[in-house]
């Protein structure tokens, strides 16, 4: 009986707290997009390899937009390729599946210039600016 009385007294307070916490807020919509792909190679342009672009094929996954370019690399044709310099050291493994959050993909192809190696290998591709990144397992 006493428990029912306490529940009866506290009911309006519980209803108020639960309705006030919802506040009819809209769901959070991130200000970035996500894309998934395979690391397929890298450019060779700088003696400091940390400055080289890495190539990622984003034809992996059916939800990826067609944002990249076609590239023939080592006898294989890739159809949705972008290049980036911001790839984490742990993800610089050819064949690794990666997930990348981004805000910006260049609208024009970027041609790498200013190489300081003897025989540079570069590609004219759109550039992806990485926001967050991780391995897909």
N, C-alpha and C. Protein backbone atom coordinates (compact mmCIF):
# COMPACT_ATOMS: atom_id res chain seq x y z
N UNK A 1 0.82 -1.18 0.00
CA UNK A 1 0.00 0.00 0.00
C UNK A 1 0.87 1.26 0.00
N UNK A 2 1.91 1.23 0.83
CA UNK A 2 2.79 2.40 0.92
C UNK A 2 3.55 2.60 -0.41
N UNK A 3 3.96 1.49 -1.05
CA UNK A 3 4.65 1.58 -2.34
C UNK A 3 3.77 2.18 -3.41
N UNK A 4 2.47 1.85 -3.38
CA UNK A 4 1.54 2.41 -4.35
C UNK A 4 1.38 3.92 -4.13
N UNK A 5 1.37 4.34 -2.89
CA UNK A 5 1.23 5.75 -2.57
C UNK A 5 2.44 6.54 -3.07
N UNK A 6 3.64 5.99 -2.86
CA UNK A 6 4.86 6.65 -3.32
C UNK A 6 4.87 6.72 -4.84
N UNK A 7 4.50 5.64 -5.51
CA UNK A 7 4.43 5.62 -6.96
C UNK A 7 3.41 6.64 -7.48
N UNK A 8 2.27 6.76 -6.80
CA UNK A 8 1.24 7.71 -7.19
C UNK A 8 1.75 9.15 -7.06
N UNK A 9 2.52 9.42 -6.01
CA UNK A 9 3.03 10.77 -5.79
C UNK A 9 4.15 11.10 -6.78
N UNK A 10 5.00 10.14 -7.09
CA UNK A 10 6.14 10.39 -7.98
C UNK A 10 5.81 10.28 -9.46
N UNK A 11 4.67 9.75 -9.82
CA UNK A 11 4.31 9.56 -11.23
C UNK A 11 4.36 10.85 -12.04
N UNK A 12 3.77 11.94 -11.59
CA UNK A 12 3.84 13.18 -12.38
C UNK A 12 5.29 13.65 -12.58
N UNK A 13 6.12 13.50 -11.58
CA UNK A 13 7.52 13.92 -11.71
C UNK A 13 8.24 13.06 -12.75
N UNK A 14 8.01 11.76 -12.75
CA UNK A 14 8.64 10.87 -13.72
C UNK A 14 8.17 11.18 -15.14
N UNK A 15 6.91 11.45 -15.31
CA UNK A 15 6.39 11.79 -16.63
C UNK A 15 7.00 13.09 -17.13
N UNK A 16 7.09 14.08 -16.25
CA UNK A 16 7.69 15.36 -16.63
C UNK A 16 9.15 15.19 -17.05
N UNK A 17 9.92 14.44 -16.28
CA UNK A 17 11.35 14.24 -16.59
C UNK A 17 11.51 13.51 -17.91
N UNK A 18 10.73 12.48 -18.16
CA UNK A 18 10.87 11.72 -19.41
C UNK A 18 10.45 12.55 -20.62
N UNK A 19 9.42 13.36 -20.50
CA UNK A 19 9.00 14.17 -21.64
C UNK A 19 9.95 15.35 -21.86
N UNK A 20 10.51 15.89 -20.80
CA UNK A 20 11.45 17.01 -20.95
C UNK A 20 12.75 16.56 -21.58
N UNK A 21 13.14 15.32 -21.37
CA UNK A 21 14.41 14.85 -21.93
C UNK A 21 14.33 14.59 -23.43
N UNK A 22 13.14 14.35 -23.97
CA UNK A 22 13.04 14.09 -25.41
C UNK A 22 13.07 15.39 -26.22
N UNK A 23 12.42 16.43 -25.80
CA UNK A 23 12.45 17.78 -26.38
C UNK A 23 12.22 17.83 -27.88
N UNK A 24 11.72 16.81 -28.47
CA UNK A 24 11.44 16.81 -29.91
C UNK A 24 12.65 17.21 -30.74
N UNK A 25 13.82 16.77 -30.35
CA UNK A 25 15.04 17.09 -31.10
C UNK A 25 15.10 16.26 -32.37
N UNK A 26 15.66 16.87 -33.42
CA UNK A 26 15.88 16.16 -34.67
C UNK A 26 17.07 15.21 -34.49
N UNK A 27 17.10 14.11 -35.20
CA UNK A 27 18.26 13.21 -35.10
C UNK A 27 19.52 13.89 -35.61
N UNK A 28 20.64 13.51 -35.04
CA UNK A 28 21.93 14.08 -35.42
C UNK A 28 22.27 13.64 -36.85
N UNK A 29 22.61 14.60 -37.69
CA UNK A 29 23.05 14.31 -39.05
C UNK A 29 24.48 14.80 -39.17
N UNK A 30 25.45 13.89 -39.37
CA UNK A 30 26.85 14.31 -39.43
C UNK A 30 27.12 15.22 -40.63
N UNK A 31 28.12 16.07 -40.49
CA UNK A 31 28.47 17.01 -41.57
C UNK A 31 29.58 16.44 -42.45
N UNK A 32 29.67 15.13 -42.52
CA UNK A 32 30.65 14.47 -43.36
C UNK A 32 30.03 13.22 -43.96
N UNK A 33 30.71 12.65 -44.95
CA UNK A 33 30.24 11.43 -45.60
C UNK A 33 31.25 10.31 -45.35
N UNK A 34 30.83 9.08 -45.61
CA UNK A 34 31.70 7.92 -45.44
C UNK A 34 31.79 7.17 -46.75
N UNK A 35 32.98 6.62 -46.98
CA UNK A 35 33.22 5.84 -48.19
C UNK A 35 34.17 4.69 -47.83
N UNK A 36 33.98 3.55 -48.48
CA UNK A 36 34.79 2.37 -48.17
C UNK A 36 35.53 1.90 -49.42
N UNK A 37 36.74 1.41 -49.21
CA UNK A 37 37.51 0.96 -50.37
C UNK A 37 38.72 0.12 -50.00
N UNK A 38 39.51 -0.20 -51.03
CA UNK A 38 40.75 -0.98 -50.89
C UNK A 38 41.94 -0.08 -51.20
N UNK A 39 42.98 -0.21 -50.40
CA UNK A 39 44.25 0.45 -50.72
C UNK A 39 44.87 -0.35 -51.86
N UNK A 40 45.18 0.33 -52.99
CA UNK A 40 45.69 -0.40 -54.16
C UNK A 40 47.12 -0.04 -54.53
N UNK A 41 47.67 1.00 -53.93
CA UNK A 41 49.05 1.36 -54.26
C UNK A 41 49.39 2.75 -53.79
N UNK A 42 50.55 3.24 -54.25
CA UNK A 42 50.99 4.58 -53.89
C UNK A 42 51.79 5.18 -55.02
N UNK A 43 51.87 6.48 -55.00
CA UNK A 43 52.76 7.17 -55.92
C UNK A 43 54.17 7.12 -55.36
N UNK A 44 55.14 7.25 -56.24
CA UNK A 44 56.53 7.36 -55.82
C UNK A 44 57.04 8.69 -56.36
N UNK A 45 57.15 9.67 -55.45
CA UNK A 45 57.50 11.02 -55.87
C UNK A 45 58.55 11.65 -54.97
N UNK A 46 58.49 11.35 -53.69
CA UNK A 46 59.37 12.00 -52.71
C UNK A 46 60.31 11.00 -52.04
N UNK A 47 61.49 11.45 -51.70
CA UNK A 47 62.39 10.59 -50.94
C UNK A 47 61.80 10.33 -49.55
N UNK A 48 61.06 11.28 -49.03
CA UNK A 48 60.30 11.09 -47.79
C UNK A 48 58.95 10.50 -48.17
N UNK A 49 58.80 9.18 -48.06
CA UNK A 49 57.59 8.50 -48.52
C UNK A 49 56.33 8.94 -47.77
N UNK A 50 56.48 9.56 -46.62
CA UNK A 50 55.32 10.04 -45.87
C UNK A 50 54.59 11.14 -46.64
N UNK A 51 55.26 11.77 -47.60
CA UNK A 51 54.65 12.84 -48.39
C UNK A 51 53.99 12.33 -49.67
N UNK A 52 54.14 11.05 -49.98
CA UNK A 52 53.57 10.49 -51.21
C UNK A 52 52.06 10.26 -51.06
N UNK A 53 51.37 10.33 -52.19
CA UNK A 53 49.94 10.02 -52.23
C UNK A 53 49.75 8.51 -52.21
N UNK A 54 48.68 8.06 -51.55
CA UNK A 54 48.26 6.67 -51.58
C UNK A 54 46.99 6.58 -52.42
N UNK A 55 46.85 5.47 -53.14
CA UNK A 55 45.73 5.27 -54.06
C UNK A 55 44.72 4.30 -53.45
N UNK A 56 43.45 4.68 -53.49
CA UNK A 56 42.40 3.85 -52.90
C UNK A 56 41.28 3.67 -53.92
N UNK A 57 40.89 2.40 -54.14
CA UNK A 57 39.79 2.08 -55.05
C UNK A 57 38.50 1.99 -54.23
N UNK A 58 37.55 2.83 -54.57
CA UNK A 58 36.29 2.89 -53.83
C UNK A 58 35.14 2.20 -54.54
N UNK A 59 35.44 1.20 -55.36
CA UNK A 59 34.38 0.41 -55.98
C UNK A 59 33.88 -0.67 -55.01
N UNK A 60 34.53 -0.79 -53.85
CA UNK A 60 34.09 -1.72 -52.80
C UNK A 60 32.84 -1.14 -52.14
N UNK A 61 31.82 -1.94 -52.03
CA UNK A 61 30.61 -1.49 -51.36
C UNK A 61 29.62 -0.87 -52.34
N UNK A 62 28.38 -1.27 -52.24
CA UNK A 62 27.36 -0.81 -53.18
C UNK A 62 26.88 0.60 -52.89
N UNK A 63 27.14 1.12 -51.70
CA UNK A 63 26.64 2.45 -51.34
C UNK A 63 27.63 3.57 -51.66
N UNK A 64 28.79 3.25 -52.20
CA UNK A 64 29.77 4.27 -52.51
C UNK A 64 29.36 5.07 -53.75
N UNK A 65 29.46 6.37 -53.68
CA UNK A 65 29.15 7.17 -54.87
C UNK A 65 30.28 7.06 -55.89
N UNK A 66 29.99 7.25 -57.16
CA UNK A 66 31.04 7.21 -58.20
C UNK A 66 31.81 8.53 -58.23
N UNK A 67 32.76 8.70 -57.31
CA UNK A 67 33.48 9.97 -57.16
C UNK A 67 34.88 9.95 -57.75
N UNK A 68 35.41 8.77 -58.02
CA UNK A 68 36.79 8.65 -58.46
C UNK A 68 36.95 8.54 -59.95
N UNK A 69 38.17 8.20 -60.35
CA UNK A 69 38.53 8.08 -61.74
C UNK A 69 38.94 6.65 -62.06
N UNK A 70 39.00 6.32 -63.35
CA UNK A 70 39.47 5.01 -63.79
C UNK A 70 40.98 5.03 -63.88
N UNK A 71 41.61 3.94 -63.43
CA UNK A 71 43.07 3.85 -63.41
C UNK A 71 43.50 2.44 -63.77
N UNK A 72 44.46 2.33 -64.68
CA UNK A 72 45.09 1.06 -65.00
C UNK A 72 46.37 0.98 -64.19
N UNK A 73 46.45 0.00 -63.30
CA UNK A 73 47.59 -0.14 -62.39
C UNK A 73 48.01 -1.60 -62.34
N UNK A 74 49.25 -1.87 -62.72
CA UNK A 74 49.79 -3.23 -62.69
C UNK A 74 48.92 -4.22 -63.45
N UNK A 75 48.36 -3.79 -64.57
CA UNK A 75 47.56 -4.67 -65.41
C UNK A 75 46.11 -4.82 -64.98
N UNK A 76 45.69 -4.15 -63.92
CA UNK A 76 44.31 -4.21 -63.44
C UNK A 76 43.66 -2.85 -63.63
N UNK A 77 42.38 -2.86 -64.02
CA UNK A 77 41.64 -1.62 -64.18
C UNK A 77 40.77 -1.39 -62.95
N UNK A 78 40.93 -0.24 -62.33
CA UNK A 78 40.13 0.17 -61.18
C UNK A 78 39.26 1.33 -61.63
N UNK A 79 38.01 1.38 -61.14
CA UNK A 79 37.05 2.32 -61.72
C UNK A 79 36.63 3.47 -60.82
N UNK A 80 36.99 3.49 -59.58
CA UNK A 80 36.54 4.55 -58.68
C UNK A 80 37.70 4.93 -57.75
N UNK A 81 38.79 5.42 -58.32
CA UNK A 81 40.04 5.62 -57.58
C UNK A 81 40.23 7.09 -57.22
N UNK A 82 40.65 7.30 -55.97
CA UNK A 82 41.05 8.62 -55.48
C UNK A 82 42.43 8.49 -54.86
N UNK A 83 43.11 9.62 -54.69
CA UNK A 83 44.40 9.59 -54.00
C UNK A 83 44.33 10.48 -52.78
N UNK A 84 45.15 10.15 -51.77
CA UNK A 84 45.15 10.90 -50.52
C UNK A 84 46.53 10.87 -49.88
N UNK A 85 46.85 11.92 -49.14
CA UNK A 85 48.12 11.94 -48.39
C UNK A 85 47.90 11.70 -46.91
N UNK A 86 46.68 11.70 -46.45
CA UNK A 86 46.41 11.61 -45.02
C UNK A 86 46.19 10.21 -44.49
N UNK A 87 46.61 9.20 -45.22
CA UNK A 87 46.36 7.82 -44.79
C UNK A 87 47.24 7.47 -43.59
N UNK A 88 46.62 6.88 -42.57
CA UNK A 88 47.34 6.48 -41.36
C UNK A 88 48.38 5.41 -41.69
N UNK A 89 49.49 5.44 -40.97
CA UNK A 89 50.60 4.51 -41.22
C UNK A 89 50.15 3.05 -41.16
N UNK A 90 49.25 2.72 -40.25
CA UNK A 90 48.78 1.34 -40.10
C UNK A 90 47.91 0.89 -41.28
N UNK A 91 47.37 1.84 -42.04
CA UNK A 91 46.50 1.50 -43.16
C UNK A 91 47.24 1.48 -44.49
N UNK A 92 48.52 1.75 -44.48
CA UNK A 92 49.32 1.78 -45.71
C UNK A 92 49.77 0.38 -46.08
N UNK A 93 48.79 -0.48 -46.33
CA UNK A 93 49.02 -1.87 -46.71
C UNK A 93 48.18 -2.15 -47.95
N UNK A 94 48.81 -2.51 -49.04
CA UNK A 94 48.08 -2.77 -50.27
C UNK A 94 47.15 -3.97 -50.07
N UNK A 95 45.89 -3.78 -50.47
CA UNK A 95 44.88 -4.81 -50.31
C UNK A 95 44.02 -4.65 -49.06
N UNK A 96 44.40 -3.74 -48.17
CA UNK A 96 43.66 -3.52 -46.93
C UNK A 96 42.35 -2.79 -47.22
N UNK A 97 41.27 -3.23 -46.60
CA UNK A 97 39.98 -2.55 -46.73
C UNK A 97 39.92 -1.42 -45.71
N UNK A 98 39.52 -0.24 -46.17
CA UNK A 98 39.48 0.93 -45.28
C UNK A 98 38.12 1.62 -45.36
N UNK A 99 37.77 2.27 -44.27
CA UNK A 99 36.58 3.10 -44.20
C UNK A 99 37.05 4.51 -43.88
N UNK A 100 36.59 5.48 -44.67
CA UNK A 100 37.08 6.85 -44.54
C UNK A 100 35.90 7.82 -44.46
N UNK A 101 35.94 8.68 -43.45
CA UNK A 101 35.01 9.79 -43.36
C UNK A 101 35.68 11.00 -44.01
N UNK A 102 34.91 11.74 -44.78
CA UNK A 102 35.49 12.89 -45.50
C UNK A 102 34.45 13.98 -45.65
N UNK A 103 34.95 15.18 -45.91
CA UNK A 103 34.09 16.30 -46.25
C UNK A 103 34.34 16.75 -47.68
N UNK A 104 35.58 16.62 -48.15
CA UNK A 104 35.97 17.20 -49.43
C UNK A 104 36.63 16.17 -50.33
N UNK A 105 36.17 16.13 -51.58
CA UNK A 105 36.85 15.43 -52.67
C UNK A 105 37.04 16.49 -53.75
N UNK A 106 38.26 16.65 -54.21
CA UNK A 106 38.52 17.69 -55.21
C UNK A 106 37.68 17.45 -56.45
N UNK A 107 37.24 18.53 -57.07
CA UNK A 107 36.43 18.39 -58.28
C UNK A 107 37.31 18.18 -59.51
N UNK A 108 38.55 18.65 -59.42
CA UNK A 108 39.49 18.49 -60.55
C UNK A 108 40.55 17.46 -60.19
N UNK A 109 41.12 16.88 -61.22
CA UNK A 109 42.22 15.93 -61.01
C UNK A 109 43.46 16.69 -60.55
N UNK A 110 44.18 16.09 -59.61
CA UNK A 110 45.40 16.68 -59.07
C UNK A 110 46.60 15.95 -59.69
N UNK A 111 47.49 16.72 -60.27
CA UNK A 111 48.72 16.15 -60.82
C UNK A 111 49.86 16.47 -59.86
N UNK A 112 50.54 15.44 -59.41
CA UNK A 112 51.63 15.61 -58.46
C UNK A 112 52.83 16.23 -59.16
N UNK A 113 53.37 17.29 -58.56
CA UNK A 113 54.54 17.97 -59.12
C UNK A 113 55.61 18.11 -58.04
N UNK A 114 56.80 18.51 -58.44
CA UNK A 114 57.87 18.75 -57.48
C UNK A 114 58.49 17.48 -56.92
N UNK A 115 58.52 16.43 -57.71
CA UNK A 115 59.09 15.16 -57.24
C UNK A 115 60.60 15.27 -57.11
N UNK A 116 61.15 14.55 -56.12
CA UNK A 116 62.60 14.58 -55.93
C UNK A 116 63.25 13.20 -56.01
N UNK A 117 62.53 12.24 -56.63
CA UNK A 117 63.12 10.93 -56.89
C UNK A 117 63.47 10.85 -58.37
N UNK A 118 64.35 9.91 -58.71
CA UNK A 118 64.87 9.82 -60.07
C UNK A 118 63.79 9.50 -61.11
N UNK A 119 63.00 8.46 -60.87
CA UNK A 119 61.94 8.07 -61.81
C UNK A 119 60.59 8.11 -61.09
N UNK A 120 59.98 9.27 -61.00
CA UNK A 120 58.71 9.35 -60.27
C UNK A 120 57.58 8.60 -60.98
N UNK A 121 56.69 8.03 -60.17
CA UNK A 121 55.49 7.37 -60.67
C UNK A 121 54.31 8.11 -60.04
N UNK A 122 53.61 8.91 -60.86
CA UNK A 122 52.50 9.70 -60.35
C UNK A 122 51.27 9.49 -61.23
N UNK A 123 50.11 9.85 -60.69
CA UNK A 123 48.84 9.67 -61.39
C UNK A 123 48.01 10.95 -61.24
N UNK A 124 47.33 11.30 -62.28
CA UNK A 124 46.44 12.46 -62.25
C UNK A 124 45.05 11.98 -61.84
N UNK A 125 44.73 12.17 -60.55
CA UNK A 125 43.47 11.69 -59.97
C UNK A 125 42.89 12.75 -59.05
N UNK A 126 41.61 12.62 -58.74
CA UNK A 126 40.98 13.49 -57.74
C UNK A 126 41.55 13.15 -56.36
N UNK A 127 41.56 14.16 -55.49
CA UNK A 127 42.14 13.99 -54.14
C UNK A 127 41.05 13.97 -53.08
N UNK A 128 41.19 13.03 -52.16
CA UNK A 128 40.28 12.87 -51.02
C UNK A 128 40.96 13.44 -49.78
N UNK A 129 40.26 14.31 -49.05
CA UNK A 129 40.77 14.85 -47.80
C UNK A 129 40.14 14.06 -46.65
N UNK A 130 40.97 13.34 -45.90
CA UNK A 130 40.49 12.42 -44.86
C UNK A 130 40.16 13.18 -43.57
N UNK A 131 39.01 12.82 -43.00
CA UNK A 131 38.60 13.36 -41.70
C UNK A 131 38.84 12.32 -40.61
N UNK A 132 38.28 11.12 -40.79
CA UNK A 132 38.49 9.97 -39.89
C UNK A 132 38.73 8.75 -40.77
N UNK A 133 39.42 7.76 -40.23
CA UNK A 133 39.73 6.58 -41.03
C UNK A 133 39.88 5.36 -40.13
N UNK A 134 39.69 4.18 -40.73
CA UNK A 134 39.85 2.96 -39.99
C UNK A 134 39.86 1.76 -40.91
N UNK A 135 40.31 0.64 -40.35
CA UNK A 135 40.36 -0.61 -41.11
C UNK A 135 39.01 -1.31 -41.03
N UNK A 136 38.58 -1.91 -42.14
CA UNK A 136 37.38 -2.74 -42.15
C UNK A 136 37.83 -4.17 -41.93
N UNK A 137 37.30 -4.81 -40.95
CA UNK A 137 37.69 -6.21 -40.68
C UNK A 137 36.61 -7.16 -41.06
